[in-house]
N, C-alpha and C. Protein backbone atom coordinates (compact mmCIF):
# COMPACT_ATOMS: atom_id res chain seq x y z
N GLY A 1 181.39 138.96 53.06
CA GLY A 1 182.73 139.89 52.74
C GLY A 1 183.28 138.81 51.81
N ASP A 2 184.42 139.47 51.27
CA ASP A 2 185.09 138.51 50.55
C ASP A 2 186.32 137.45 51.37
N ARG A 3 186.28 136.28 50.43
CA ARG A 3 187.08 134.99 50.97
C ARG A 3 187.97 134.89 50.11
N PRO A 4 189.33 134.73 50.52
CA PRO A 4 190.39 134.32 49.49
C PRO A 4 190.39 132.94 49.15
N VAL A 5 190.82 132.74 47.77
CA VAL A 5 190.79 131.25 47.35
C VAL A 5 192.23 131.36 46.47
N ALA A 6 193.01 130.19 46.57
CA ALA A 6 194.10 130.03 46.02
C ALA A 6 194.23 128.89 45.27
N GLY A 7 194.83 128.56 43.97
CA GLY A 7 194.81 127.54 43.19
C GLY A 7 195.56 127.69 42.12
N ASP A 8 195.85 126.88 41.31
CA ASP A 8 196.64 126.88 39.92
C ASP A 8 195.90 126.90 38.82
N TRP A 9 195.24 127.98 38.85
CA TRP A 9 194.03 128.29 37.85
C TRP A 9 194.31 127.98 36.50
N ASN A 10 195.60 128.44 36.04
CA ASN A 10 195.91 128.30 34.70
C ASN A 10 196.96 127.24 34.24
N GLY A 11 197.09 126.27 35.17
CA GLY A 11 197.72 125.12 35.26
C GLY A 11 199.48 125.28 34.73
N ASP A 12 199.88 126.27 35.24
CA ASP A 12 201.44 126.63 35.10
C ASP A 12 202.27 126.12 36.11
N GLY A 13 201.74 125.54 37.16
CA GLY A 13 202.50 124.77 38.34
C GLY A 13 202.70 125.96 39.52
N PHE A 14 202.08 127.31 39.29
CA PHE A 14 202.36 128.27 40.41
C PHE A 14 200.67 128.44 40.99
N THR A 15 200.78 128.78 42.14
CA THR A 15 199.60 129.10 42.94
C THR A 15 199.17 130.60 42.72
N ASP A 16 197.85 130.77 42.20
CA ASP A 16 197.07 131.77 41.84
C ASP A 16 196.14 132.32 42.71
N VAL A 17 195.41 133.60 42.89
CA VAL A 17 194.89 134.05 43.69
C VAL A 17 193.48 134.13 42.91
N GLY A 18 192.60 134.20 44.13
CA GLY A 18 191.03 134.70 43.72
C GLY A 18 190.40 135.09 44.67
N VAL A 19 189.22 135.55 44.47
CA VAL A 19 188.37 135.99 45.66
C VAL A 19 186.73 135.47 45.65
N TYR A 20 186.40 134.80 46.71
CA TYR A 20 184.77 134.32 46.80
C TYR A 20 184.06 135.46 47.14
N ARG A 21 182.90 136.10 46.38
CA ARG A 21 182.28 137.14 46.97
C ARG A 21 180.95 136.72 46.84
N GLY A 22 180.18 136.52 47.94
CA GLY A 22 178.58 136.06 47.92
C GLY A 22 178.78 134.66 47.20
N ASN A 23 178.31 134.48 46.08
CA ASN A 23 178.44 133.12 45.35
C ASN A 23 178.99 133.48 43.97
N SER A 24 179.80 134.30 44.03
CA SER A 24 180.47 134.53 42.81
C SER A 24 182.11 134.63 42.98
N TYR A 25 182.73 133.76 42.16
CA TYR A 25 184.19 133.72 42.11
C TYR A 25 185.17 134.79 40.99
N TYR A 26 185.96 135.44 41.57
CA TYR A 26 186.73 136.07 40.59
C TYR A 26 188.08 135.40 40.72
N LEU A 27 188.71 134.84 39.65
CA LEU A 27 189.86 134.21 39.75
C LEU A 27 191.04 134.89 38.87
N ASP A 28 192.34 135.22 39.35
CA ASP A 28 193.47 135.60 38.40
C ASP A 28 194.09 134.42 37.69
N ALA A 29 193.16 134.20 36.52
CA ALA A 29 193.48 132.84 35.76
C ALA A 29 194.47 132.89 34.76
N ASN A 30 194.91 134.45 34.65
CA ASN A 30 196.20 134.43 33.65
C ASN A 30 197.41 134.57 34.83
N GLY A 31 197.26 134.47 36.22
CA GLY A 31 198.30 134.42 36.85
C GLY A 31 199.39 135.86 37.03
N ASN A 32 198.74 136.88 36.92
CA ASN A 32 199.55 138.05 36.67
C ASN A 32 199.49 138.96 38.27
N ARG A 33 198.51 138.26 39.06
CA ARG A 33 198.32 139.05 40.13
C ARG A 33 197.55 140.24 40.26
N THR A 34 196.77 140.52 39.07
CA THR A 34 196.10 141.60 38.76
C THR A 34 194.80 141.34 38.18
N TRP A 35 193.43 141.97 38.50
CA TRP A 35 192.27 141.48 37.86
C TRP A 35 192.31 142.31 36.48
N ASN A 36 192.44 141.46 35.52
CA ASN A 36 192.22 142.04 34.17
C ASN A 36 190.80 141.89 33.42
N SER A 37 189.78 141.30 34.22
CA SER A 37 188.53 140.90 33.67
C SER A 37 188.36 139.74 32.69
N THR A 38 187.46 139.29 32.52
CA THR A 38 187.37 137.97 31.66
C THR A 38 188.03 138.24 30.37
N THR A 39 187.72 139.60 29.62
CA THR A 39 188.45 139.94 28.47
C THR A 39 189.97 139.79 28.52
N GLY A 40 190.68 140.18 29.85
CA GLY A 40 192.22 140.12 30.02
C GLY A 40 192.78 138.79 30.26
N GLY A 41 192.00 137.74 30.25
CA GLY A 41 192.12 136.41 30.74
C GLY A 41 191.96 135.87 32.10
N ASP A 42 191.41 136.50 32.96
CA ASP A 42 191.02 136.24 34.15
C ASP A 42 189.24 135.73 34.15
N ALA A 43 189.14 135.02 35.23
CA ALA A 43 187.58 134.11 35.45
C ALA A 43 186.66 134.66 36.12
N TYR A 44 185.60 134.69 35.92
CA TYR A 44 184.53 135.16 36.71
C TYR A 44 183.20 134.02 36.56
N PHE A 45 182.65 133.73 37.67
CA PHE A 45 181.52 132.73 37.49
C PHE A 45 180.77 132.88 38.76
N VAL A 46 179.64 132.57 38.56
CA VAL A 46 178.56 132.25 39.76
C VAL A 46 178.77 130.61 40.11
N PHE A 47 178.98 130.45 41.24
CA PHE A 47 178.45 129.03 41.57
C PHE A 47 178.50 128.83 43.09
N GLY A 48 177.51 127.88 43.53
CA GLY A 48 177.09 127.68 44.81
C GLY A 48 176.39 128.88 45.48
N SER A 49 176.28 128.93 46.63
CA SER A 49 175.48 130.11 47.46
C SER A 49 176.27 130.68 48.44
N SER A 50 175.53 132.07 48.74
CA SER A 50 176.39 132.78 49.72
C SER A 50 176.80 132.23 51.07
N ASN A 51 176.04 131.41 51.40
CA ASN A 51 176.36 130.73 52.90
C ASN A 51 177.03 129.52 52.67
N GLN A 52 177.76 129.14 51.58
CA GLN A 52 178.73 128.23 51.44
C GLN A 52 180.23 128.47 51.34
N THR A 53 180.94 127.71 51.90
CA THR A 53 182.42 127.92 52.13
C THR A 53 183.31 127.31 50.91
N PRO A 54 184.03 128.09 50.36
CA PRO A 54 184.72 127.69 49.29
C PRO A 54 185.97 126.99 49.71
N LEU A 55 186.23 125.66 49.01
CA LEU A 55 187.65 125.02 49.24
C LEU A 55 188.27 124.52 47.91
N ALA A 56 189.22 125.05 47.58
CA ALA A 56 190.14 124.94 46.19
C ALA A 56 191.22 123.84 46.74
N GLY A 57 191.51 123.14 45.69
CA GLY A 57 192.62 122.09 45.64
C GLY A 57 192.91 121.46 44.53
N MET A 58 194.09 120.71 44.38
CA MET A 58 194.31 119.96 43.38
C MET A 58 193.57 118.32 43.74
N TRP A 59 192.76 118.03 43.31
CA TRP A 59 191.94 116.86 43.98
C TRP A 59 192.17 115.50 43.09
N SER A 60 193.18 115.60 41.99
CA SER A 60 193.11 114.61 41.12
C SER A 60 194.75 114.50 40.78
N ALA A 61 195.32 113.29 40.20
CA ALA A 61 196.44 113.00 39.96
C ALA A 61 197.21 114.61 39.48
N PRO A 62 198.62 114.68 39.81
CA PRO A 62 199.53 113.95 40.38
C PRO A 62 199.56 113.90 41.83
N ALA A 63 198.48 115.04 42.41
CA ALA A 63 198.50 114.96 43.95
C ALA A 63 197.36 114.02 44.41
N PRO A 64 197.56 113.43 45.44
CA PRO A 64 196.64 112.33 46.15
C PRO A 64 195.31 112.82 46.28
N ALA A 65 194.30 112.30 45.95
CA ALA A 65 192.85 112.99 45.83
C ALA A 65 192.30 112.55 47.55
N PRO A 66 191.68 113.51 48.19
CA PRO A 66 191.09 113.18 49.24
C PRO A 66 190.15 112.01 49.35
N THR A 67 189.97 111.17 50.31
CA THR A 67 189.11 110.06 50.20
C THR A 67 188.15 110.16 51.40
N PRO A 68 186.79 110.04 51.02
CA PRO A 68 185.78 110.19 52.28
C PRO A 68 186.12 109.03 53.39
N SER A 69 185.97 109.47 54.41
CA SER A 69 186.10 108.73 55.58
C SER A 69 184.93 108.54 56.19
N SER A 70 184.82 108.39 57.57
CA SER A 70 183.77 108.20 58.38
C SER A 70 182.83 109.66 58.60
N SER A 71 183.32 110.44 57.91
CA SER A 71 182.95 112.01 57.95
C SER A 71 181.92 112.02 56.91
N THR A 72 180.78 112.22 57.28
CA THR A 72 179.72 112.60 56.15
C THR A 72 179.90 113.86 55.56
N ASN A 73 180.43 114.63 56.56
CA ASN A 73 180.57 116.09 55.78
C ASN A 73 181.63 116.02 54.64
N LEU A 74 182.74 115.30 54.94
CA LEU A 74 183.76 115.33 53.86
C LEU A 74 182.78 114.47 52.54
N ALA A 75 182.24 113.46 52.67
CA ALA A 75 181.73 112.81 51.78
C ALA A 75 180.44 113.59 51.03
N SER A 76 179.91 114.45 51.84
CA SER A 76 178.89 115.39 51.08
C SER A 76 179.84 116.66 50.31
N LEU A 77 180.72 116.98 50.93
CA LEU A 77 181.46 118.01 50.34
C LEU A 77 182.17 117.54 49.01
N LEU A 78 182.48 116.23 48.87
CA LEU A 78 183.16 115.75 47.35
C LEU A 78 181.87 115.33 46.58
N ALA A 79 180.79 115.07 46.85
CA ALA A 79 179.78 114.69 46.12
C ALA A 79 179.13 115.66 45.20
N PRO A 80 178.92 115.16 43.75
CA PRO A 80 178.54 116.11 42.79
C PRO A 80 177.00 116.44 43.11
N PRO A 81 176.51 117.56 42.93
CA PRO A 81 177.04 118.52 42.03
C PRO A 81 177.65 119.60 42.56
N SER A 82 178.27 119.39 43.79
CA SER A 82 179.03 120.65 44.67
C SER A 82 180.48 120.90 43.96
N ARG A 83 180.71 120.63 42.67
CA ARG A 83 182.22 120.65 42.30
C ARG A 83 182.01 121.30 41.04
N LYS A 84 183.07 122.32 40.85
CA LYS A 84 183.29 122.81 39.63
C LYS A 84 184.62 122.73 39.21
N GLN A 85 184.97 122.10 37.92
CA GLN A 85 186.06 121.80 37.56
C GLN A 85 186.60 122.98 36.59
N PHE A 86 187.53 123.34 36.35
CA PHE A 86 188.01 124.60 35.48
C PHE A 86 188.59 123.88 34.35
N THR A 87 187.70 122.91 33.60
CA THR A 87 188.21 122.45 32.19
C THR A 87 187.96 123.76 31.23
N ASP A 88 187.29 124.49 31.60
CA ASP A 88 186.99 125.61 30.37
C ASP A 88 188.19 126.31 30.27
N LEU A 89 188.99 126.66 31.43
CA LEU A 89 190.11 127.49 31.45
C LEU A 89 191.43 126.93 30.65
N SER A 90 191.36 125.57 30.87
CA SER A 90 192.68 124.92 30.51
C SER A 90 192.25 123.27 30.28
N PRO A 91 192.97 122.86 29.28
CA PRO A 91 192.36 121.33 29.22
C PRO A 91 193.24 120.47 30.24
N THR A 92 194.34 120.84 30.76
CA THR A 92 195.17 120.24 31.84
C THR A 92 194.92 120.68 33.22
N LEU A 93 193.92 121.77 33.41
CA LEU A 93 193.80 122.12 34.59
C LEU A 93 193.45 121.07 35.71
N LEU A 94 193.68 121.03 36.62
CA LEU A 94 193.25 119.87 37.87
C LEU A 94 192.70 120.53 39.11
N ASP A 95 192.78 121.80 39.02
CA ASP A 95 192.26 122.40 40.20
C ASP A 95 190.80 122.24 40.45
N GLN A 96 190.23 122.30 41.44
CA GLN A 96 188.67 122.53 41.45
C GLN A 96 188.20 123.15 42.68
N LEU A 97 186.81 123.54 42.85
CA LEU A 97 186.40 124.47 43.96
C LEU A 97 185.43 123.54 44.30
N PHE A 98 185.27 123.22 45.75
CA PHE A 98 184.13 122.65 46.29
C PHE A 98 183.48 123.95 47.14
N THR A 99 182.24 123.61 47.37
CA THR A 99 181.56 124.42 48.13
C THR A 99 180.79 123.35 49.24
N ASN A 100 180.90 123.70 50.51
CA ASN A 100 180.33 122.98 51.41
C ASN A 100 178.97 122.91 51.73
N PRO A 101 178.12 121.79 51.93
CA PRO A 101 176.68 121.98 51.74
C PRO A 101 176.00 122.08 53.11
N PHE A 102 176.78 122.34 54.28
CA PHE A 102 176.19 122.83 55.31
C PHE A 102 176.30 124.24 55.77
């Protein structure tokens, strides 16, 4: 089923919504709370696999980044290539999506 994801997809400082369905992300990248398709400013892409769990957040400055601890799950979660950064949507966008490998 659908899983909600939230993040500042357009870099305006406000939380935007999205849906993770299977291994596809549908993000309200223009921040208007409506799906307008990719031609209307929203984002769609395939990333990860359907058995993974999305985790969205601002993992770099100005927010403190999570640091791996003794948890191998966290270290695996943060390890590339399990990371998608939305530099294609905005040059200043810091939100990233992670999918867990277990």
